[in-house]
């Protein structure tokens, strides 16, 4: 399962995108509306990824520091996040996330434009699928015995 291409994980899935001048309040409200844990931030002029803003960024850098909700997201986002290309495997991306200590990773086209977002939560879906197969296998064995 981790050998699936990242493109297969993100296909038909929306992701949130912001520009750097948006307020953290607007970004947080957008995240709440769509039930998202992260927003990718792209340069308005060329559309290239320049950052990512996660729930953790909002909690630690805005709330915990008492920043004004009108603060631009560019001031609290994680700049130049590591991304992964669509041709890479999900296992490769999980490895990078584990090594880097982060839970979200932008998926980028060859020119650096965001095309999706993967999360460590995506691995849970694989685990559930494997668990289901294992359970079905055990039930089949139980019937035989």
N, C-alpha and C. Protein backbone atom coordinates (compact mmCIF):
# COMPACT_ATOMS: atom_id res chain seq x y z
N UNK A 1 0.80 -1.21 0.00
CA UNK A 1 0.00 0.00 0.00
C UNK A 1 0.85 1.28 0.00
N UNK A 2 1.93 1.34 0.81
CA UNK A 2 2.75 2.54 0.79
C UNK A 2 3.46 2.74 -0.55
N UNK A 3 3.40 1.74 -1.43
CA UNK A 3 4.05 1.88 -2.73
C UNK A 3 3.17 2.61 -3.74
N UNK A 4 1.94 2.94 -3.33
CA UNK A 4 1.06 3.69 -4.23
C UNK A 4 1.64 5.07 -4.48
N UNK A 5 1.49 5.58 -5.70
CA UNK A 5 1.97 6.94 -5.98
C UNK A 5 1.17 7.98 -5.19
N UNK A 6 1.85 9.03 -4.80
CA UNK A 6 1.20 10.13 -4.07
C UNK A 6 0.01 10.66 -4.87
N UNK A 7 0.15 10.71 -6.18
CA UNK A 7 -0.93 11.20 -7.03
C UNK A 7 -2.22 10.42 -6.80
N UNK A 8 -2.10 9.13 -6.57
CA UNK A 8 -3.27 8.30 -6.32
C UNK A 8 -3.94 8.66 -4.99
N UNK A 9 -3.15 9.07 -4.03
CA UNK A 9 -3.68 9.46 -2.72
C UNK A 9 -4.48 10.76 -2.81
N UNK A 10 -3.97 11.72 -3.60
CA UNK A 10 -4.59 13.05 -3.61
C UNK A 10 -5.62 13.25 -4.71
N UNK A 11 -5.70 12.33 -5.67
CA UNK A 11 -6.63 12.55 -6.78
C UNK A 11 -8.05 12.68 -6.26
N UNK A 12 -8.79 13.57 -6.86
CA UNK A 12 -10.18 13.85 -6.50
C UNK A 12 -10.34 14.35 -5.06
N UNK A 13 -9.29 14.94 -4.52
CA UNK A 13 -9.36 15.50 -3.17
C UNK A 13 -9.00 16.98 -3.22
N UNK A 14 -9.84 17.79 -2.63
CA UNK A 14 -9.58 19.22 -2.58
C UNK A 14 -8.57 19.53 -1.47
N UNK A 15 -7.93 20.68 -1.58
CA UNK A 15 -7.06 21.18 -0.53
C UNK A 15 -7.24 22.69 -0.47
N UNK A 16 -6.90 23.26 0.65
CA UNK A 16 -7.07 24.70 0.83
C UNK A 16 -5.80 25.44 0.45
N UNK A 17 -6.01 26.59 -0.18
CA UNK A 17 -4.92 27.42 -0.66
C UNK A 17 -5.20 28.86 -0.25
N UNK A 18 -4.16 29.56 0.17
CA UNK A 18 -4.29 30.96 0.58
C UNK A 18 -3.16 31.76 -0.04
N UNK A 19 -3.33 33.06 0.02
CA UNK A 19 -2.26 33.98 -0.35
C UNK A 19 -1.66 34.52 0.94
N UNK A 20 -0.42 34.98 0.91
CA UNK A 20 0.27 35.35 2.15
C UNK A 20 -0.31 36.53 2.92
N UNK A 21 -1.06 37.40 2.26
CA UNK A 21 -1.58 38.58 2.96
C UNK A 21 -2.88 38.32 3.71
N UNK A 22 -3.49 37.17 3.52
CA UNK A 22 -4.75 36.85 4.24
C UNK A 22 -4.48 36.84 5.74
N UNK A 23 -5.45 37.26 6.50
CA UNK A 23 -5.29 37.29 7.95
C UNK A 23 -5.38 35.88 8.52
N UNK A 24 -4.75 35.67 9.68
CA UNK A 24 -4.84 34.36 10.31
C UNK A 24 -6.29 34.06 10.68
N UNK A 25 -7.07 35.09 10.98
CA UNK A 25 -8.49 34.88 11.27
C UNK A 25 -9.20 34.31 10.06
N UNK A 26 -8.97 34.90 8.88
CA UNK A 26 -9.61 34.42 7.66
C UNK A 26 -9.17 33.00 7.32
N UNK A 27 -7.89 32.71 7.51
CA UNK A 27 -7.37 31.37 7.23
C UNK A 27 -7.99 30.36 8.20
N UNK A 28 -8.04 30.69 9.49
CA UNK A 28 -8.62 29.78 10.48
C UNK A 28 -10.10 29.54 10.20
N UNK A 29 -10.82 30.59 9.81
CA UNK A 29 -12.25 30.45 9.50
C UNK A 29 -12.44 29.55 8.28
N UNK A 30 -11.56 29.69 7.31
CA UNK A 30 -11.61 28.85 6.10
C UNK A 30 -11.34 27.38 6.46
N UNK A 31 -10.36 27.17 7.32
CA UNK A 31 -10.03 25.82 7.77
C UNK A 31 -11.21 25.20 8.51
N UNK A 32 -11.85 25.98 9.37
CA UNK A 32 -13.00 25.48 10.12
C UNK A 32 -14.14 25.11 9.17
N UNK A 33 -14.42 25.99 8.22
CA UNK A 33 -15.52 25.76 7.28
C UNK A 33 -15.36 24.46 6.52
N UNK A 34 -14.13 24.12 6.15
CA UNK A 34 -13.89 22.94 5.33
C UNK A 34 -13.32 21.76 6.12
N UNK A 35 -13.21 21.91 7.44
CA UNK A 35 -12.70 20.82 8.27
C UNK A 35 -11.27 20.43 7.94
N UNK A 36 -10.47 21.43 7.61
CA UNK A 36 -9.08 21.17 7.21
C UNK A 36 -8.12 21.46 8.35
N UNK A 37 -7.02 20.73 8.37
CA UNK A 37 -6.01 20.93 9.40
C UNK A 37 -4.83 21.76 8.92
N UNK A 38 -4.82 22.08 7.61
CA UNK A 38 -3.70 22.85 7.06
C UNK A 38 -4.14 23.58 5.80
N UNK A 39 -3.44 24.67 5.54
CA UNK A 39 -3.66 25.48 4.34
C UNK A 39 -2.31 25.71 3.69
N UNK A 40 -2.25 25.50 2.39
CA UNK A 40 -1.03 25.81 1.66
C UNK A 40 -1.07 27.29 1.27
N UNK A 41 0.07 27.93 1.32
CA UNK A 41 0.16 29.36 1.01
C UNK A 41 1.03 29.51 -0.23
N UNK A 42 0.46 30.15 -1.25
CA UNK A 42 1.16 30.31 -2.52
C UNK A 42 1.35 31.78 -2.84
N UNK A 43 2.42 32.06 -3.54
CA UNK A 43 2.72 33.40 -4.01
C UNK A 43 1.65 33.79 -5.03
N UNK A 44 1.06 34.94 -4.84
CA UNK A 44 -0.03 35.37 -5.72
C UNK A 44 0.45 35.61 -7.16
N UNK A 45 1.68 36.06 -7.32
CA UNK A 45 2.16 36.41 -8.66
C UNK A 45 2.45 35.20 -9.54
N UNK A 46 3.04 34.14 -8.97
CA UNK A 46 3.40 32.99 -9.81
C UNK A 46 2.75 31.68 -9.37
N UNK A 47 2.02 31.69 -8.26
CA UNK A 47 1.31 30.50 -7.80
C UNK A 47 2.19 29.44 -7.16
N UNK A 48 3.47 29.74 -6.94
CA UNK A 48 4.37 28.76 -6.34
C UNK A 48 4.19 28.73 -4.82
N UNK A 49 4.38 27.55 -4.27
CA UNK A 49 4.25 27.35 -2.83
C UNK A 49 5.32 28.14 -2.08
N UNK A 50 4.89 28.86 -1.05
CA UNK A 50 5.85 29.58 -0.20
C UNK A 50 5.72 29.19 1.26
N UNK A 51 4.62 28.50 1.61
CA UNK A 51 4.46 28.12 3.01
C UNK A 51 3.27 27.22 3.24
N UNK A 52 3.15 26.81 4.50
CA UNK A 52 2.02 26.02 4.95
C UNK A 52 1.63 26.53 6.34
N UNK A 53 0.36 26.64 6.58
CA UNK A 53 -0.14 27.06 7.89
C UNK A 53 -1.01 25.93 8.42
N UNK A 54 -0.64 25.41 9.57
CA UNK A 54 -1.35 24.28 10.17
C UNK A 54 -2.06 24.71 11.45
N UNK A 55 -2.88 23.82 11.95
CA UNK A 55 -3.53 24.08 13.24
C UNK A 55 -2.49 24.36 14.31
N UNK A 56 -1.40 23.66 14.25
CA UNK A 56 -0.32 23.86 15.23
C UNK A 56 0.25 25.27 15.12
N UNK A 57 0.46 25.75 13.90
CA UNK A 57 0.96 27.12 13.72
C UNK A 57 -0.01 28.13 14.35
N UNK A 58 -1.30 27.93 14.09
CA UNK A 58 -2.30 28.85 14.63
C UNK A 58 -2.34 28.80 16.16
N UNK A 59 -2.23 27.61 16.71
CA UNK A 59 -2.29 27.46 18.16
C UNK A 59 -1.05 28.03 18.83
N UNK A 60 0.12 27.60 18.38
CA UNK A 60 1.37 27.98 19.04
C UNK A 60 1.83 29.40 18.71
N UNK A 61 1.64 29.82 17.48
CA UNK A 61 2.20 31.10 17.06
C UNK A 61 1.21 32.26 17.15
N UNK A 62 -0.08 31.96 17.13
CA UNK A 62 -1.07 33.03 17.21
C UNK A 62 -1.71 33.06 18.60
N UNK A 63 -2.41 32.00 18.95
CA UNK A 63 -3.11 31.97 20.24
C UNK A 63 -2.16 32.07 21.42
N UNK A 64 -1.17 31.20 21.46
CA UNK A 64 -0.26 31.17 22.61
C UNK A 64 0.55 32.46 22.75
N UNK A 65 0.78 33.15 21.65
CA UNK A 65 1.55 34.39 21.68
C UNK A 65 0.66 35.63 21.76
N UNK A 66 -0.65 35.43 21.69
CA UNK A 66 -1.56 36.56 21.77
C UNK A 66 -1.51 37.50 20.58
N UNK A 67 -1.21 36.96 19.40
CA UNK A 67 -1.14 37.80 18.20
C UNK A 67 -2.53 38.29 17.78
N UNK A 68 -2.54 39.40 17.13
CA UNK A 68 -3.76 39.99 16.58
C UNK A 68 -4.29 39.08 15.48
N UNK A 69 -5.58 38.76 15.48
CA UNK A 69 -6.15 37.91 14.43
C UNK A 69 -6.01 38.50 13.02
N UNK A 70 -5.70 39.80 12.94
CA UNK A 70 -5.51 40.43 11.63
C UNK A 70 -4.09 40.21 11.09
N UNK A 71 -3.25 39.56 11.87
CA UNK A 71 -1.88 39.28 11.45
C UNK A 71 -1.91 38.49 10.13
N UNK A 72 -1.09 38.88 9.17
CA UNK A 72 -1.05 38.12 7.91
C UNK A 72 -0.53 36.70 8.15
N UNK A 73 -1.09 35.76 7.44
CA UNK A 73 -0.69 34.36 7.60
C UNK A 73 0.80 34.19 7.27
N UNK A 74 1.35 35.06 6.45
CA UNK A 74 2.78 34.97 6.10
C UNK A 74 3.69 35.10 7.32
N UNK A 75 3.18 35.72 8.39
CA UNK A 75 3.98 35.90 9.60
C UNK A 75 4.00 34.69 10.51
N UNK A 76 3.08 33.77 10.32
CA UNK A 76 3.03 32.60 11.21
C UNK A 76 3.17 31.27 10.47
N UNK A 77 3.08 31.29 9.16
CA UNK A 77 3.18 30.04 8.40
C UNK A 77 4.59 29.47 8.52
N UNK A 78 4.70 28.20 8.23
CA UNK A 78 6.00 27.55 8.11
C UNK A 78 6.47 27.82 6.68
N UNK A 79 7.58 28.52 6.57
CA UNK A 79 8.07 28.92 5.24
C UNK A 79 8.81 27.78 4.55
N UNK A 80 8.69 27.77 3.24
CA UNK A 80 9.40 26.81 2.39
C UNK A 80 9.31 25.37 2.91
N UNK A 81 8.09 24.88 3.09
CA UNK A 81 7.97 23.51 3.59
C UNK A 81 8.48 22.49 2.57
N UNK A 82 8.94 21.39 3.08
CA UNK A 82 9.37 20.32 2.20
C UNK A 82 8.15 19.77 1.49
N UNK A 83 8.26 19.56 0.20
CA UNK A 83 7.17 19.01 -0.58
C UNK A 83 7.60 17.72 -1.24
N UNK A 84 6.66 17.10 -1.90
CA UNK A 84 6.91 15.85 -2.60
C UNK A 84 6.25 15.91 -3.96
N UNK A 85 6.88 15.31 -4.94
CA UNK A 85 6.33 15.28 -6.29
C UNK A 85 5.26 14.21 -6.43
N UNK A 86 4.42 14.37 -7.41
CA UNK A 86 3.30 13.44 -7.62
C UNK A 86 3.77 12.04 -8.00
N UNK A 87 4.98 11.93 -8.53
CA UNK A 87 5.48 10.62 -8.97
C UNK A 87 6.07 9.80 -7.83
N UNK A 88 6.29 10.41 -6.68
CA UNK A 88 6.88 9.70 -5.53
C UNK A 88 5.83 8.79 -4.90
N UNK A 89 6.31 7.81 -4.14
CA UNK A 89 5.39 6.90 -3.47
C UNK A 89 4.94 7.48 -2.14
N UNK A 90 3.80 7.00 -1.69
CA UNK A 90 3.27 7.44 -0.41
C UNK A 90 4.22 7.04 0.72
N UNK A 91 4.82 5.88 0.61
CA UNK A 91 5.79 5.44 1.62
C UNK A 91 6.97 6.39 1.72
N UNK A 92 7.43 6.87 0.58
CA UNK A 92 8.53 7.85 0.56
C UNK A 92 8.10 9.12 1.29
N UNK A 93 6.89 9.59 0.99
CA UNK A 93 6.39 10.81 1.64
C UNK A 93 6.25 10.60 3.14
N UNK A 94 5.73 9.45 3.56
CA UNK A 94 5.61 9.15 4.99
C UNK A 94 6.96 9.17 5.68
N UNK A 95 7.95 8.61 5.00
CA UNK A 95 9.31 8.61 5.55
C UNK A 95 9.81 10.04 5.75
N UNK A 96 9.62 10.89 4.74
CA UNK A 96 10.05 12.29 4.86
C UNK A 96 9.32 13.00 6.00
N UNK A 97 8.02 12.73 6.13
CA UNK A 97 7.26 13.37 7.21
C UNK A 97 7.76 12.90 8.57
N UNK A 98 8.03 11.61 8.68
CA UNK A 98 8.54 11.08 9.95
C UNK A 98 9.90 11.69 10.29
N UNK A 99 10.79 11.69 9.31
CA UNK A 99 12.14 12.25 9.53
C UNK A 99 12.09 13.73 9.85
N UNK A 100 11.18 14.46 9.21
CA UNK A 100 11.09 15.91 9.42
C UNK A 100 10.25 16.30 10.63
N UNK A 101 9.50 15.36 11.18
CA UNK A 101 8.67 15.64 12.35
C UNK A 101 7.44 16.48 12.05
N UNK A 102 6.90 16.32 10.86
CA UNK A 102 5.68 17.05 10.53
C UNK A 102 4.60 16.10 10.05
N UNK A 103 3.35 16.58 10.05
CA UNK A 103 2.21 15.72 9.75
C UNK A 103 1.52 16.02 8.43
N UNK A 104 1.91 17.10 7.78
CA UNK A 104 1.31 17.47 6.50
C UNK A 104 2.43 17.77 5.51
N UNK A 105 2.21 17.37 4.27
CA UNK A 105 3.21 17.61 3.24
C UNK A 105 2.55 18.04 1.94
N UNK A 106 2.98 19.18 1.42
CA UNK A 106 2.46 19.62 0.12
C UNK A 106 2.90 18.69 -1.00
N UNK A 107 2.02 18.51 -1.95
CA UNK A 107 2.35 17.77 -3.17
C UNK A 107 2.48 18.83 -4.27
N UNK A 108 3.61 18.78 -4.97
CA UNK A 108 3.94 19.84 -5.91
C UNK A 108 4.15 19.30 -7.33
N UNK A 109 3.82 20.14 -8.30
CA UNK A 109 4.15 19.80 -9.67
C UNK A 109 5.64 20.14 -9.87
N UNK A 110 6.22 19.78 -11.01
CA UNK A 110 7.65 20.04 -11.22
C UNK A 110 8.06 21.50 -11.14
N UNK A 111 7.11 22.42 -11.32
CA UNK A 111 7.43 23.85 -11.26
C UNK A 111 7.24 24.45 -9.86
N UNK A 112 6.87 23.63 -8.88
CA UNK A 112 6.70 24.13 -7.51
C UNK A 112 5.32 24.65 -7.20
N UNK A 113 4.35 24.36 -8.04
CA UNK A 113 2.96 24.76 -7.78
C UNK A 113 2.26 23.67 -6.98
N UNK A 114 1.53 24.03 -5.94
CA UNK A 114 0.82 23.02 -5.15
C UNK A 114 -0.32 22.37 -5.94
N UNK A 115 -0.39 21.04 -5.86
CA UNK A 115 -1.46 20.30 -6.52
C UNK A 115 -2.23 19.44 -5.52
N UNK A 116 -1.78 19.44 -4.27
CA UNK A 116 -2.47 18.65 -3.26
C UNK A 116 -1.74 18.70 -1.93
N UNK A 117 -2.29 17.96 -1.00
CA UNK A 117 -1.75 17.92 0.36
C UNK A 117 -1.98 16.52 0.91
N UNK A 118 -0.93 15.93 1.44
CA UNK A 118 -1.10 14.63 2.10
C UNK A 118 -0.84 14.82 3.58
N UNK A 119 -1.37 13.89 4.33
CA UNK A 119 -1.28 13.95 5.78
C UNK A 119 -0.88 12.60 6.33
N UNK A 120 -0.29 12.60 7.50
CA UNK A 120 0.03 11.34 8.14
C UNK A 120 -1.25 10.55 8.41
N UNK A 121 -2.38 11.24 8.51
CA UNK A 121 -3.67 10.56 8.69
C UNK A 121 -4.02 9.68 7.50
N UNK A 122 -3.48 10.00 6.34
CA UNK A 122 -3.74 9.18 5.16
C UNK A 122 -3.23 7.75 5.37
N UNK A 123 -2.21 7.60 6.19
CA UNK A 123 -1.68 6.26 6.48
C UNK A 123 -2.68 5.45 7.29
N UNK A 124 -3.48 6.11 8.09
CA UNK A 124 -4.48 5.41 8.89
C UNK A 124 -5.45 4.66 7.99
N UNK A 125 -5.81 5.25 6.88
CA UNK A 125 -6.70 4.58 5.94
C UNK A 125 -6.10 3.28 5.44
N UNK A 126 -4.77 3.30 5.22
CA UNK A 126 -4.09 2.08 4.78
C UNK A 126 -4.09 1.04 5.89
N UNK A 127 -3.88 1.48 7.12
CA UNK A 127 -3.88 0.56 8.24
C UNK A 127 -5.25 -0.08 8.43
N UNK A 128 -6.30 0.71 8.28
CA UNK A 128 -7.65 0.18 8.43
C UNK A 128 -7.93 -0.85 7.34
N UNK A 129 -7.50 -0.56 6.13
CA UNK A 129 -7.69 -1.50 5.03
C UNK A 129 -6.95 -2.81 5.31
N UNK A 130 -5.70 -2.70 5.77
CA UNK A 130 -4.94 -3.90 6.10
C UNK A 130 -5.58 -4.65 7.26
N UNK A 131 -6.06 -3.93 8.26
CA UNK A 131 -6.72 -4.54 9.41
C UNK A 131 -7.96 -5.31 8.96
N UNK A 132 -8.74 -4.72 8.07
CA UNK A 132 -9.95 -5.36 7.57
C UNK A 132 -9.60 -6.67 6.84
N UNK A 133 -8.58 -6.62 6.00
CA UNK A 133 -8.15 -7.82 5.27
C UNK A 133 -7.68 -8.90 6.24
N UNK A 134 -6.92 -8.49 7.24
CA UNK A 134 -6.42 -9.44 8.23
C UNK A 134 -7.58 -10.06 9.02
N UNK A 135 -8.56 -9.25 9.38
CA UNK A 135 -9.72 -9.74 10.11
C UNK A 135 -10.52 -10.73 9.26
N UNK A 136 -10.71 -10.41 7.99
CA UNK A 136 -11.42 -11.33 7.10
C UNK A 136 -10.66 -12.65 6.96
N UNK A 137 -9.35 -12.57 6.89
CA UNK A 137 -8.53 -13.77 6.79
C UNK A 137 -8.67 -14.63 8.05
N UNK A 138 -8.64 -14.00 9.22
CA UNK A 138 -8.78 -14.73 10.49
C UNK A 138 -10.17 -15.36 10.61
N UNK A 139 -11.19 -14.63 10.15
CA UNK A 139 -12.55 -15.19 10.20
C UNK A 139 -12.67 -16.40 9.28
N UNK A 140 -12.03 -16.34 8.12
CA UNK A 140 -12.04 -17.48 7.20
C UNK A 140 -11.34 -18.68 7.82
N UNK A 141 -10.21 -18.42 8.50
CA UNK A 141 -9.50 -19.51 9.17
C UNK A 141 -10.34 -20.09 10.30
N UNK A 142 -11.04 -19.25 11.04
CA UNK A 142 -11.87 -19.71 12.14
C UNK A 142 -12.98 -20.63 11.65
N UNK A 143 -13.53 -20.30 10.49
CA UNK A 143 -14.59 -21.14 9.92
C UNK A 143 -14.04 -22.51 9.52
N UNK A 144 -12.83 -22.53 9.02
CA UNK A 144 -12.22 -23.80 8.61
C UNK A 144 -11.93 -24.66 9.82
N UNK A 145 -11.45 -24.04 10.88
CA UNK A 145 -11.09 -24.78 12.08
C UNK A 145 -12.35 -25.13 12.84
